[in-house]
Amino acid sequence: MGERNRPLSVTILACIYLLVGTAGFFYHFRELLPLERDGLIIEFTEILAFVAGVFMLRGHNWARWLALAWMAFHVAISISDPVRKLLPHAVILAIIAWILLRPAAGRYFLGQTQPT
């Protein structure tokens, strides 16, 4: 079986998820200290972003769906402010979906080799 080639766009996106998850976790850490529900949820979502990034780099198909769900969640919670939050999040979700659902990404995540 040949080697799978990870598309550059997937590599970049996975690294962005790693950075967002890590930076978000440390940025929101002070909200976790009082052990309030909202702080726990925020930190959990940041961990999910990090996990999605790690496992997208490893080629796990479920990780690309986690990445899409993570961004869709942000679109859903942005509905209260359509112009400042919802629209930018929806555009970002569309870009992420385009990257992760393209044929090259599908081949990578489904473990198929590139044609020679």
PDB file of N, CA and C in Angstrom:
ATOM      1  N   MET A   1       0.842  -1.187   0.000  1.00  0.00           N
ATOM      2  CA  MET A   1       0.000   0.000   0.000  1.00  0.00           C
ATOM      3  C   MET A   1       0.882   1.243   0.000  1.00  0.00           C
ATOM      4  N   GLY A   2       0.534   2.224  -0.803  1.00  0.00           N
ATOM      5  CA  GLY A   2       1.330   3.431  -0.933  1.00  0.00           C
ATOM      6  C   GLY A   2       1.120   4.380   0.236  1.00  0.00           C
ATOM      7  N   GLU A   3       1.933   5.393   0.271  1.00  0.00           N
ATOM      8  CA  GLU A   3       1.875   6.375   1.334  1.00  0.00           C
ATOM      9  C   GLU A   3       0.781   7.389   1.027  1.00  0.00           C
ATOM     10  N   ARG A   4       0.033   7.750   2.058  1.00  0.00           N
ATOM     11  CA  ARG A   4      -0.984   8.791   1.887  1.00  0.00           C
ATOM     12  C   ARG A   4      -0.311  10.152   1.928  1.00  0.00           C
ATOM     13  N   ASN A   5      -0.750  11.027   1.062  1.00  0.00           N
ATOM     14  CA  ASN A   5      -0.232  12.395   1.053  1.00  0.00           C
ATOM     15  C   ASN A   5      -1.269  13.311   1.651  1.00  0.00           C
ATOM     16  N   ARG A   6      -0.882  13.983   2.739  1.00  0.00           N
ATOM     17  CA  ARG A   6      -1.790  14.928   3.373  1.00  0.00           C
ATOM     18  C   ARG A   6      -1.782  16.221   2.572  1.00  0.00           C
ATOM     19  N   PRO A   7      -2.956  16.692   2.151  1.00  0.00           N
ATOM     20  CA  PRO A   7      -2.997  17.978   1.441  1.00  0.00           C
ATOM     21  C   PRO A   7      -2.480  19.109   2.335  1.00  0.00           C
ATOM     22  N   LEU A   8      -1.762  20.034   1.743  1.00  0.00           N
ATOM     23  CA  LEU A   8      -1.223  21.165   2.486  1.00  0.00           C
ATOM     24  C   LEU A   8      -2.329  21.930   3.210  1.00  0.00           C
ATOM     25  N   SER A   9      -3.474  22.084   2.561  1.00  0.00           N
ATOM     26  CA  SER A   9      -4.580  22.824   3.177  1.00  0.00           C
ATOM     27  C   SER A   9      -5.051  22.144   4.463  1.00  0.00           C
ATOM     28  N   VAL A  10      -5.040  20.820   4.493  1.00  0.00           N
ATOM     29  CA  VAL A  10      -5.427  20.079   5.701  1.00  0.00           C
ATOM     30  C   VAL A  10      -4.370  20.281   6.787  1.00  0.00           C
ATOM     31  N   THR A  11      -3.109  20.259   6.408  1.00  0.00           N
ATOM     32  CA  THR A  11      -2.027  20.483   7.373  1.00  0.00           C
ATOM     33  C   THR A  11      -2.154  21.861   8.009  1.00  0.00           C
ATOM     34  N   ILE A  12      -2.368  22.869   7.188  1.00  0.00           N
ATOM     35  CA  ILE A  12      -2.497  24.239   7.697  1.00  0.00           C
ATOM     36  C   ILE A  12      -3.707  24.353   8.606  1.00  0.00           C
ATOM     37  N   LEU A  13      -4.841  23.800   8.173  1.00  0.00           N
ATOM     38  CA  LEU A  13      -6.061  23.872   8.973  1.00  0.00           C
ATOM     39  C   LEU A  13      -5.886  23.145  10.299  1.00  0.00           C
ATOM     40  N   ALA A  14      -5.280  21.971  10.277  1.00  0.00           N
ATOM     41  CA  ALA A  14      -5.053  21.218  11.516  1.00  0.00           C
ATOM     42  C   ALA A  14      -4.167  22.021  12.466  1.00  0.00           C
ATOM     43  N   CYS A  15      -3.148  22.677  11.936  1.00  0.00           N
ATOM     44  CA  CYS A  15      -2.266  23.502  12.772  1.00  0.00           C
ATOM     45  C   CYS A  15      -3.024  24.697  13.353  1.00  0.00           C
ATOM     46  N   ILE A  16      -3.934  25.262  12.586  1.00  0.00           N
ATOM     47  CA  ILE A  16      -4.764  26.353  13.103  1.00  0.00           C
ATOM     48  C   ILE A  16      -5.630  25.856  14.254  1.00  0.00           C
ATOM     49  N   TYR A  17      -6.222  24.673  14.100  1.00  0.00           N
ATOM     50  CA  TYR A  17      -7.014  24.104  15.186  1.00  0.00           C
ATOM     51  C   TYR A  17      -6.155  23.869  16.424  1.00  0.00           C
ATOM     52  N   LEU A  18      -4.932  23.384  16.229  1.00  0.00           N
ATOM     53  CA  LEU A  18      -4.024  23.192  17.363  1.00  0.00           C
ATOM     54  C   LEU A  18      -3.741  24.524  18.064  1.00  0.00           C
ATOM     55  N   LEU A  19      -3.465  25.550  17.283  1.00  0.00           N
ATOM     56  CA  LEU A  19      -3.164  26.869  17.856  1.00  0.00           C
ATOM     57  C   LEU A  19      -4.377  27.471  18.554  1.00  0.00           C
ATOM     58  N   VAL A  20      -5.535  27.392  17.911  1.00  0.00           N
ATOM     59  CA  VAL A  20      -6.752  27.948  18.503  1.00  0.00           C
ATOM     60  C   VAL A  20      -7.099  27.206  19.787  1.00  0.00           C
ATOM     61  N   GLY A  21      -7.006  25.887  19.757  1.00  0.00           N
ATOM     62  CA  GLY A  21      -7.311  25.106  20.953  1.00  0.00           C
ATOM     63  C   GLY A  21      -6.370  25.417  22.095  1.00  0.00           C
ATOM     64  N   THR A  22      -5.081  25.484  21.795  1.00  0.00           N
ATOM     65  CA  THR A  22      -4.085  25.758  22.835  1.00  0.00           C
ATOM     66  C   THR A  22      -4.219  27.185  23.362  1.00  0.00           C
ATOM     67  N   ALA A  23      -4.255  28.144  22.457  1.00  0.00           N
ATOM     68  CA  ALA A  23      -4.354  29.549  22.873  1.00  0.00           C
ATOM     69  C   ALA A  23      -5.656  29.803  23.618  1.00  0.00           C
ATOM     70  N   GLY A  24      -6.744  29.249  23.102  1.00  0.00           N
ATOM     71  CA  GLY A  24      -8.037  29.428  23.759  1.00  0.00           C
ATOM     72  C   GLY A  24      -8.071  28.815  25.143  1.00  0.00           C
ATOM     73  N   PHE A  25      -7.454  27.644  25.286  1.00  0.00           N
ATOM     74  CA  PHE A  25      -7.424  26.984  26.589  1.00  0.00           C
ATOM     75  C   PHE A  25      -6.711  27.859  27.615  1.00  0.00           C
ATOM     76  N   PHE A  26      -5.539  28.379  27.252  1.00  0.00           N
ATOM     77  CA  PHE A  26      -4.793  29.202  28.202  1.00  0.00           C
ATOM     78  C   PHE A  26      -5.441  30.570  28.408  1.00  0.00           C
ATOM     79  N   TYR A  27      -6.030  31.123  27.368  1.00  0.00           N
ATOM     80  CA  TYR A  27      -6.707  32.417  27.497  1.00  0.00           C
ATOM     81  C   TYR A  27      -7.902  32.318  28.439  1.00  0.00           C
ATOM     82  N   HIS A  28      -8.678  31.241  28.315  1.00  0.00           N
ATOM     83  CA  HIS A  28      -9.895  31.080  29.116  1.00  0.00           C
ATOM     84  C   HIS A  28      -9.644  30.321  30.419  1.00  0.00           C
ATOM     85  N   PHE A  29      -8.406  29.984  30.723  1.00  0.00           N
ATOM     86  CA  PHE A  29      -8.111  29.172  31.903  1.00  0.00           C
ATOM     87  C   PHE A  29      -8.603  29.818  33.190  1.00  0.00           C
ATOM     88  N   ARG A  30      -8.503  31.136  33.279  1.00  0.00           N
ATOM     89  CA  ARG A  30      -8.927  31.822  34.504  1.00  0.00           C
ATOM     90  C   ARG A  30     -10.422  31.641  34.742  1.00  0.00           C
ATOM     91  N   GLU A  31     -11.184  31.392  33.671  1.00  0.00           N
ATOM     92  CA  GLU A  31     -12.619  31.145  33.819  1.00  0.00           C
ATOM     93  C   GLU A  31     -12.888  29.746  34.358  1.00  0.00           C
ATOM     94  N   LEU A  32     -11.908  28.873  34.254  1.00  0.00           N
ATOM     95  CA  LEU A  32     -12.046  27.507  34.739  1.00  0.00           C
ATOM     96  C   LEU A  32     -11.826  27.428  36.249  1.00  0.00           C
ATOM     97  N   LEU A  33     -11.008  28.306  36.786  1.00  0.00           N
ATOM     98  CA  LEU A  33     -10.623  28.223  38.188  1.00  0.00           C
ATOM     99  C   LEU A  33     -11.803  28.239  39.161  1.00  0.00           C
ATOM    100  N   PRO A  34     -12.846  29.057  38.946  1.00  0.00           N
ATOM    101  CA  PRO A  34     -13.966  28.975  39.892  1.00  0.00           C
ATOM    102  C   PRO A  34     -14.817  27.700  39.693  1.00  0.00           C
ATOM    103  N   LEU A  35     -14.446  26.875  38.720  1.00  0.00           N
ATOM    104  CA  LEU A  35     -15.162  25.631  38.400  1.00  0.00           C
ATOM    105  C   LEU A  35     -16.644  25.859  38.133  1.00  0.00           C
ATOM    106  N   GLU A  36     -16.919  26.914  37.402  1.00  0.00           N
ATOM    107  CA  GLU A  36     -18.289  27.181  36.989  1.00  0.00           C
ATOM    108  C   GLU A  36     -18.570  26.456  35.692  1.00  0.00           C
ATOM    109  N   ARG A  37     -19.834  26.156  35.455  1.00  0.00           N
ATOM    110  CA  ARG A  37     -20.248  25.370  34.289  1.00  0.00           C
ATOM    111  C   ARG A  37     -19.790  26.001  32.975  1.00  0.00           C
ATOM    112  N   ASP A  38     -19.981  27.302  32.811  1.00  0.00           N
ATOM    113  CA  ASP A  38     -19.595  27.960  31.558  1.00  0.00           C
ATOM    114  C   ASP A  38     -18.095  27.843  31.298  1.00  0.00           C
ATOM    115  N   GLY A  39     -17.303  27.997  32.340  1.00  0.00           N
ATOM    116  CA  GLY A  39     -15.857  27.866  32.188  1.00  0.00           C
ATOM    117  C   GLY A  39     -15.458  26.464  31.775  1.00  0.00           C
ATOM    118  N   LEU A  40     -16.106  25.479  32.346  1.00  0.00           N
ATOM    119  CA  LEU A  40     -15.823  24.085  31.982  1.00  0.00           C
ATOM    120  C   LEU A  40     -16.202  23.804  30.528  1.00  0.00           C
ATOM    121  N   ILE A  41     -17.325  24.335  30.101  1.00  0.00           N
ATOM    122  CA  ILE A  41     -17.769  24.130  28.712  1.00  0.00           C
ATOM    123  C   ILE A  41     -16.799  24.793  27.742  1.00  0.00           C
ATOM    124  N   ILE A  42     -16.381  26.003  28.054  1.00  0.00           N
ATOM    125  CA  ILE A  42     -15.440  26.718  27.182  1.00  0.00           C
ATOM    126  C   ILE A  42     -14.130  25.936  27.069  1.00  0.00           C
ATOM    127  N   GLU A  43     -13.602  25.485  28.193  1.00  0.00           N
ATOM    128  CA  GLU A  43     -12.341  24.732  28.161  1.00  0.00           C
ATOM    129  C   GLU A  43     -12.511  23.408  27.419  1.00  0.00           C
ATOM    130  N   PHE A  44     -13.654  22.768  27.578  1.00  0.00           N
ATOM    131  CA  PHE A  44     -13.918  21.525  26.867  1.00  0.00           C
ATOM    132  C   PHE A  44     -13.919  21.754  25.353  1.00  0.00           C
ATOM    133  N   THR A  45     -14.521  22.856  24.910  1.00  0.00           N
ATOM    134  CA  THR A  45     -14.533  23.134  23.467  1.00  0.00           C
ATOM    135  C   THR A  45     -13.127  23.434  22.956  1.00  0.00           C
ATOM    136  N   GLU A  46     -12.301  24.065  23.770  1.00  0.00           N
ATOM    137  CA  GLU A  46     -10.925  24.330  23.347  1.00  0.00           C
ATOM    138  C   GLU A  46     -10.136  23.025  23.242  1.00  0.00           C
ATOM    139  N   ILE A  47     -10.378  22.112  24.170  1.00  0.00           N
ATOM    140  CA  ILE A  47      -9.729  20.802  24.099  1.00  0.00           C
ATOM    141  C   ILE A  47     -10.177  20.056  22.850  1.00  0.00           C
ATOM    142  N   LEU A  48     -11.453  20.170  22.502  1.00  0.00           N
ATOM    143  CA  LEU A  48     -11.953  19.517  21.284  1.00  0.00           C
ATOM    144  C   LEU A  48     -11.258  20.054  20.037  1.00  0.00           C
ATOM    145  N   ALA A  49     -11.007  21.368  20.002  1.00  0.00           N
ATOM    146  CA  ALA A  49     -10.295  21.941  18.854  1.00  0.00           C
ATOM    147  C   ALA A  49      -8.895  21.352  18.759  1.00  0.00           C
ATOM    148  N   PHE A  50      -8.220  21.250  19.876  1.00  0.00           N
ATOM    149  CA  PHE A  50      -6.876  20.684  19.898  1.00  0.00           C
ATOM    150  C   PHE A  50      -6.894  19.221  19.442  1.00  0.00           C
ATOM    151  N   VAL A  51      -7.829  18.457  19.958  1.00  0.00           N
ATOM    152  CA  VAL A  51      -7.960  17.043  19.586  1.00  0.00           C
ATOM    153  C   VAL A  51      -8.235  16.911  18.088  1.00  0.00           C
ATOM    154  N   ALA A  52      -9.115  17.749  17.563  1.00  0.00           N
ATOM    155  CA  ALA A  52      -9.402  17.714  16.127  1.00  0.00           C
ATOM    156  C   ALA A  52      -8.140  17.977  15.319  1.00  0.00           C
ATOM    157  N   GLY A  53      -7.345  18.948  15.730  1.00  0.00           N
ATOM    158  CA  GLY A  53      -6.106  19.259  15.024  1.00  0.00           C
ATOM    159  C   GLY A  53      -5.118  18.113  15.042  1.00  0.00           C
ATOM    160  N   VAL A  54      -4.916  17.526  16.208  1.00  0.00           N
ATOM    161  CA  VAL A  54      -3.973  16.416  16.341  1.00  0.00           C
ATOM    162  C   VAL A  54      -4.384  15.253  15.443  1.00  0.00           C
ATOM    163  N   PHE A  55      -5.642  14.881  15.516  1.00  0.00           N
ATOM    164  CA  PHE A  55      -6.066  13.685  14.804  1.00  0.00           C
ATOM    165  C   PHE A  55      -6.330  13.929  13.318  1.00  0.00           C
ATOM    166  N   MET A  56      -6.534  15.190  12.920  1.00  0.00           N
ATOM    167  CA  MET A  56      -6.553  15.472  11.484  1.00  0.00           C
ATOM    168  C   MET A  56      -5.157  15.265  10.906  1.00  0.00           C
ATOM    169  N   LEU A  57      -4.140  15.681  11.645  1.00  0.00           N
ATOM    170  CA  LEU A  57      -2.768  15.463  11.184  1.00  0.00           C
ATOM    171  C   LEU A  57      -2.457  13.973  11.066  1.00  0.00           C
ATOM    172  N   ARG A  58      -3.092  13.177  11.886  1.00  0.00           N
ATOM    173  CA  ARG A  58      -2.872  11.729  11.863  1.00  0.00           C
ATOM    174  C   ARG A  58      -3.765  11.015  10.856  1.00  0.00           C
ATOM    175  N   GLY A  59      -4.672  11.762  10.216  1.00  0.00           N
ATOM    176  CA  GLY A  59      -5.490  11.194   9.158  1.00  0.00           C
ATOM    177  C   GLY A  59      -6.757  10.500   9.599  1.00  0.00           C
ATOM    178  N   HIS A  60      -7.230  10.774  10.803  1.00  0.00           N
ATOM    179  CA  HIS A  60      -8.459  10.143  11.290  1.00  0.00           C
ATOM    180  C   HIS A  60      -9.681  10.861  10.717  1.00  0.00           C
ATOM    181  N   ASN A  61     -10.528  10.106  10.048  1.00  0.00           N
ATOM    182  CA  ASN A  61     -11.692  10.689   9.390  1.00  0.00           C
ATOM    183  C   ASN A  61     -12.628  11.378  10.385  1.00  0.00           C
ATOM    184  N   TRP A  62     -12.829  10.778  11.553  1.00  0.00           N
ATOM    185  CA  TRP A  62     -13.737  11.367  12.531  1.00  0.00           C
ATOM    186  C   TRP A  62     -13.269  12.760  12.956  1.00  0.00           C
ATOM    187  N   ALA A  63     -11.966  13.026  12.880  1.00  0.00           N
ATOM    188  CA  ALA A  63     -11.430  14.315  13.315  1.00  0.00           C
ATOM    189  C   ALA A  63     -11.867  15.441  12.387  1.00  0.00           C
ATOM    190  N   ARG A  64     -11.991  15.148  11.103  1.00  0.00           N
ATOM    191  CA  ARG A  64     -12.461  16.224  10.209  1.00  0.00           C
ATOM    192  C   ARG A  64     -13.914  16.547  10.496  1.00  0.00           C
ATOM    193  N   TRP A  65     -14.709  15.528  10.883  1.00  0.00           N
ATOM    194  CA  TRP A  65     -16.106  15.776  11.237  1.00  0.00           C
ATOM    195  C   TRP A  65     -16.194  16.514  12.573  1.00  0.00           C
ATOM    196  N   LEU A  66     -15.294  16.206  13.488  1.00  0.00           N
ATOM    197  CA  LEU A  66     -15.234  16.948  14.748  1.00  0.00           C
ATOM    198  C   LEU A  66     -14.895  18.410  14.476  1.00  0.00           C
ATOM    199  N   ALA A  67     -13.945  18.650  13.584  1.00  0.00           N
ATOM    200  CA  ALA A  67     -13.562  20.024  13.245  1.00  0.00           C
ATOM    201  C   ALA A  67     -14.744  20.788  12.645  1.00  0.00           C
ATOM    202  N   LEU A  68     -15.487  20.136  11.776  1.00  0.00           N
ATOM    203  CA  LEU A  68     -16.669  20.778  11.188  1.00  0.00           C
ATOM    204  C   LEU A  68     -17.742  21.026  12.247  1.00  0.00           C
ATOM    205  N   ALA A  69     -17.974  20.050  13.106  1.00  0.00           N
ATOM    206  CA  ALA A  69     -18.978  20.205  14.165  1.00  0.00           C
ATOM    207  C   ALA A  69     -18.568  21.314  15.131  1.00  0.00           C
ATOM    208  N   TRP A  70     -17.273  21.390  15.429  1.00  0.00           N
ATOM    209  CA  TRP A  70     -16.774  22.429  16.331  1.00  0.00           C
ATOM    210  C   TRP A  70     -17.086  23.818  15.773  1.00  0.00           C
ATOM    211  N   MET A  71     -16.840  23.993  14.479  1.00  0.00           N
ATOM    212  CA  MET A  71     -17.110  25.300  13.878  1.00  0.00           C
ATOM    213  C   MET A  71     -18.607  25.544  13.745  1.00  0.00           C
ATOM    214  N   ALA A  72     -19.373  24.505  13.426  1.00  0.00           N
ATOM    215  CA  ALA A  72     -20.832  24.647  13.334  1.00  0.00           C
ATOM    216  C   ALA A  72     -21.408  25.062  14.691  1.00  0.00           C
ATOM    217  N   PHE A  73     -20.845  24.537  15.764  1.00  0.00           N
ATOM    218  CA  PHE A  73     -21.257  24.938  17.113  1.00  0.00           C
ATOM    219  C   PHE A  73     -21.031  26.429  17.304  1.00  0.00           C
ATOM    220  N   HIS A  74     -19.896  26.931  16.833  1.00  0.00           N
ATOM    221  CA  HIS A  74     -19.624  28.363  16.954  1.00  0.00           C
ATOM    222  C   HIS A  74     -20.595  29.196  16.121  1.00  0.00           C
ATOM    223  N   VAL A  75     -20.991  28.673  14.980  1.00  0.00           N
ATOM    224  CA  VAL A  75     -22.005  29.372  14.181  1.00  0.00           C
ATOM    225  C   VAL A  75     -23.314  29.425  14.965  1.00  0.00           C
ATOM    226  N   ALA A  76     -23.702  28.307  15.551  1.00  0.00           N
ATOM    227  CA  ALA A  76     -24.965  28.237  16.291  1.00  0.00           C
ATOM    228  C   ALA A  76     -24.991  29.192  17.479  1.00  0.00           C
ATOM    229  N   ILE A  77     -23.891  29.287  18.211  1.00  0.00           N
ATOM    230  CA  ILE A  77     -23.897  30.174  19.382  1.00  0.00           C
ATOM    231  C   ILE A  77     -23.692  31.643  18.999  1.00  0.00           C
ATOM    232  N   SER A  78     -23.427  31.897  17.724  1.00  0.00           N
ATOM    233  CA  SER A  78     -23.234  33.271  17.251  1.00  0.00           C
ATOM    234  C   SER A  78     -24.520  33.888  16.723  1.00  0.00           C
ATOM    235  N   ILE A  79     -25.596  33.161  16.786  1.00  0.00           N
ATOM    236  CA  ILE A  79     -26.843  33.612  16.161  1.00  0.00           C
ATOM    237  C   ILE A  79     -27.396  34.889  16.780  1.00  0.00           C
ATOM    238  N   SER A  80     -27.002  35.198  17.998  1.00  0.00           N
ATOM    239  CA  SER A  80     -27.513  36.397  18.667  1.00  0.00           C
ATOM    240  C   SER A  80     -26.981  37.694  18.056  1.00  0.00           C
ATOM    241  N   ASP A  81     -25.907  37.626  17.337  1.00  0.00           N
ATOM    242  CA  ASP A  81     -25.305  38.820  16.725  1.00  0.00           C
ATOM    243  C   ASP A  81     -24.971  38.510  15.264  1.00  0.00           C
ATOM    244  N   PRO A  82     -25.993  38.623  14.385  1.00  0.00           N
ATOM    245  CA  PRO A  82     -25.826  38.174  13.001  1.00  0.00           C
ATOM    246  C   PRO A  82     -24.699  38.851  12.226  1.00  0.00           C
ATOM    247  N   VAL A  83     -24.469  40.119  12.441  1.00  0.00           N
ATOM    248  CA  VAL A  83     -23.482  40.821  11.626  1.00  0.00           C
ATOM    249  C   VAL A  83     -22.066  40.633  12.173  1.00  0.00           C
ATOM    250  N   ARG A  84     -21.880  40.839  13.460  1.00  0.00           N
ATOM    251  CA  ARG A  84     -20.529  40.779  14.033  1.00  0.00           C
ATOM    252  C   ARG A  84     -20.021  39.369  14.260  1.00  0.00           C
ATOM    253  N   LYS A  85     -20.929  38.415  14.558  1.00  0.00           N
ATOM    254  CA  LYS A  85     -20.474  37.076  14.907  1.00  0.00           C
ATOM    255  C   LYS A  85     -20.932  36.006  13.923  1.00  0.00           C
ATOM    256  N   LEU A  86     -22.218  35.981  13.623  1.00  0.00           N
ATOM    257  CA  LEU A  86     -22.770  34.897  12.811  1.00  0.00           C
ATOM    258  C   LEU A  86     -22.172  34.864  11.408  1.00  0.00           C
ATOM    259  N   LEU A  87     -22.159  35.982  10.737  1.00  0.00           N
ATOM    260  CA  LEU A  87     -21.658  36.025   9.365  1.00  0.00           C
ATOM    261  C   LEU A  87     -20.186  35.600   9.262  1.00  0.00           C
ATOM    262  N   PRO A  88     -19.284  36.169  10.085  1.00  0.00           N
ATOM    263  CA  PRO A  88     -17.889  35.719   9.989  1.00  0.00           C
ATOM    264  C   PRO A  88     -17.723  34.229  10.308  1.00  0.00           C
ATOM    265  N   HIS A  89     -18.429  33.741  11.326  1.00  0.00           N
ATOM    266  CA  HIS A  89     -18.328  32.325  11.669  1.00  0.00           C
ATOM    267  C   HIS A  89     -18.870  31.440  10.543  1.00  0.00           C
ATOM    268  N   ALA A  90     -19.948  31.873   9.913  1.00  0.00           N
ATOM    269  CA  ALA A  90     -20.522  31.093   8.805  1.00  0.00           C
ATOM    270  C   ALA A  90     -19.556  31.040   7.620  1.00  0.00           C
ATOM    271  N   VAL A  91     -18.899  32.149   7.344  1.00  0.00           N
ATOM    272  CA  VAL A  91     -17.916  32.176   6.250  1.00  0.00           C
ATOM    273  C   VAL A  91     -16.743  31.253   6.573  1.00  0.00           C
ATOM    274  N   ILE A  92     -16.266  31.312   7.807  1.00  0.00           N
ATOM    275  CA  ILE A  92     -15.161  30.436   8.216  1.00  0.00           C
ATOM    276  C   ILE A  92     -15.586  28.975   8.120  1.00  0.00           C
ATOM    277  N   LEU A  93     -16.806  28.659   8.546  1.00  0.00           N
ATOM    278  CA  LEU A  93     -17.310  27.288   8.430  1.00  0.00           C
ATOM    279  C   LEU A  93     -17.338  26.844   6.976  1.00  0.00           C
ATOM    280  N   ALA A  94     -17.765  27.713   6.080  1.00  0.00           N
ATOM    281  CA  ALA A  94     -17.807  27.367   4.654  1.00  0.00           C
ATOM    282  C   ALA A  94     -16.401  27.082   4.117  1.00  0.00           C
ATOM    283  N   ILE A  95     -15.433  27.862   4.533  1.00  0.00           N
ATOM    284  CA  ILE A  95     -14.044  27.647   4.090  1.00  0.00           C
ATOM    285  C   ILE A  95     -13.518  26.323   4.638  1.00  0.00           C
ATOM    286  N   ILE A  96     -13.770  26.064   5.907  1.00  0.00           N
ATOM    287  CA  ILE A  96     -13.325  24.808   6.523  1.00  0.00           C
ATOM    288  C   ILE A  96     -13.976  23.623   5.827  1.00  0.00           C
ATOM    289  N   ALA A  97     -15.277  23.720   5.569  1.00  0.00           N
ATOM    290  CA  ALA A  97     -15.980  22.631   4.878  1.00  0.00           C
ATOM    291  C   ALA A  97     -15.386  22.417   3.493  1.00  0.00           C
ATOM    292  N   TRP A  98     -15.086  23.493   2.784  1.00  0.00           N
ATOM    293  CA  TRP A  98     -14.494  23.367   1.458  1.00  0.00           C
ATOM    294  C   TRP A  98     -13.153  22.641   1.526  1.00  0.00           C
ATOM    295  N   ILE A  99     -12.343  22.982   2.519  1.00  0.00           N
ATOM    296  CA  ILE A  99     -11.031  22.334   2.661  1.00  0.00           C
ATOM    297  C   ILE A  99     -11.190  20.858   3.009  1.00  0.00           C
ATOM    298  N   LEU A 100     -12.044  20.554   3.971  1.00  0.00           N
ATOM    299  CA  LEU A 100     -12.127  19.192   4.498  1.00  0.00           C
ATOM    300  C   LEU A 100     -12.978  18.241   3.663  1.00  0.00           C
ATOM    301  N   LEU A 101     -13.808  18.775   2.781  1.00  0.00           N
ATOM    302  CA  LEU A 101     -14.695  17.918   1.997  1.00  0.00           C
ATOM    303  C   LEU A 101     -14.275  17.799   0.536  1.00  0.00           C
ATOM    304  N   ARG A 102     -13.154  18.377   0.185  1.00  0.00           N
ATOM    305  CA  ARG A 102     -12.641  18.237  -1.179  1.00  0.00           C
ATOM    306  C   ARG A 102     -12.170  16.808  -1.416  1.00  0.00           C
ATOM    307  N   PRO A 103     -12.131  16.358  -2.672  1.00  0.00           N
ATOM    308  CA  PRO A 103     -11.718  14.982  -2.970  1.00  0.00           C
ATOM    309  C   PRO A 103     -10.341  14.600  -2.424  1.00  0.00           C
ATOM    310  N   ALA A 104      -9.366  15.493  -2.514  1.00  0.00           N
ATOM    311  CA  ALA A 104      -8.026  15.175  -2.010  1.00  0.00           C
ATOM    312  C   ALA A 104      -8.057  14.930  -0.507  1.00  0.00           C
ATOM    313  N   ALA A 105      -8.817  15.742   0.223  1.00  0.00           N
ATOM    314  CA  ALA A 105      -8.943  15.549   1.667  1.00  0.00           C
ATOM    315  C   ALA A 105      -9.671  14.242   1.954  1.00  0.00           C
ATOM    316  N   GLY A 106     -10.688  13.941   1.166  1.00  0.00           N
ATOM    317  CA  GLY A 106     -11.418  12.690   1.349  1.00  0.00           C
ATOM    318  C   GLY A 106     -10.512  11.485   1.172  1.00  0.00           C
ATOM    319  N   ARG A 107      -9.673  11.523   0.156  1.00  0.00           N
ATOM    320  CA  ARG A 107      -8.721  10.418  -0.055  1.00  0.00           C
ATOM    321  C   ARG A 107      -7.779  10.280   1.132  1.00  0.00           C
ATOM    322  N   TYR A 108      -7.307  11.407   1.636  1.00  0.00           N
ATOM    323  CA  TYR A 108      -6.394  11.378   2.773  1.00  0.00           C
ATOM    324  C   TYR A 108      -7.076  10.787   4.007  1.00  0.00           C
ATOM    325  N   PHE A 109      -8.253  11.288   4.332  1.00  0.00           N
ATOM    326  CA  PHE A 109      -8.924  10.846   5.538  1.00  0.00           C
ATOM    327  C   PHE A 109      -9.478   9.436   5.434  1.00  0.00           C
ATOM    328  N   LEU A 110      -9.769   8.987   4.247  1.00  0.00           N
ATOM    329  CA  LEU A 110     -10.291   7.630   4.076  1.00  0.00           C
ATOM    330  C   LEU A 110      -9.189   6.610   3.802  1.00  0.00           C
ATOM    331  N   GLY A 111      -7.940   7.071   3.863  1.00  0.00           N
ATOM    332  CA  GLY A 111      -6.812   6.164   3.754  1.00  0.00           C
ATOM    333  C   GLY A 111      -6.518   5.687   2.356  1.00  0.00           C
ATOM    334  N   GLN A 112      -7.008   6.381   1.363  1.00  0.00           N
ATOM    335  CA  GLN A 112      -6.754   5.984  -0.011  1.00  0.00           C
ATOM    336  C   GLN A 112      -5.462   6.623  -0.502  1.00  0.00           C
ATOM    337  N   THR A 113      -4.771   5.930  -1.348  1.00  0.00           N
ATOM    338  CA  THR A 113      -3.515   6.470  -1.901  1.00  0.00           C
ATOM    339  C   THR A 113      -3.824   7.350  -3.099  1.00  0.00           C
ATOM    340  N   GLN A 114      -2.897   8.247  -3.357  1.00  0.00           N
ATOM    341  CA  GLN A 114      -3.005   9.111  -4.527  1.00  0.00           C
ATOM    342  C   GLN A 114      -2.696   8.272  -5.773  1.00  0.00           C
ATOM    343  N   PRO A 115      -3.395   8.510  -6.878  1.00  0.00           N
ATOM    344  CA  PRO A 115      -3.057   7.798  -8.107  1.00  0.00           C
ATOM    345  C   PRO A 115      -1.653   8.187  -8.573  1.00  0.00           C
ATOM    346  N   THR A 116      -0.927   7.198  -9.122  1.00  0.00           N
ATOM    347  CA  THR A 116       0.439   7.493  -9.584  1.00  0.00           C
ATOM    348  C   THR A 116       0.476   7.674 -11.077  1.00  0.00           C
TER     349      THR A 116
END
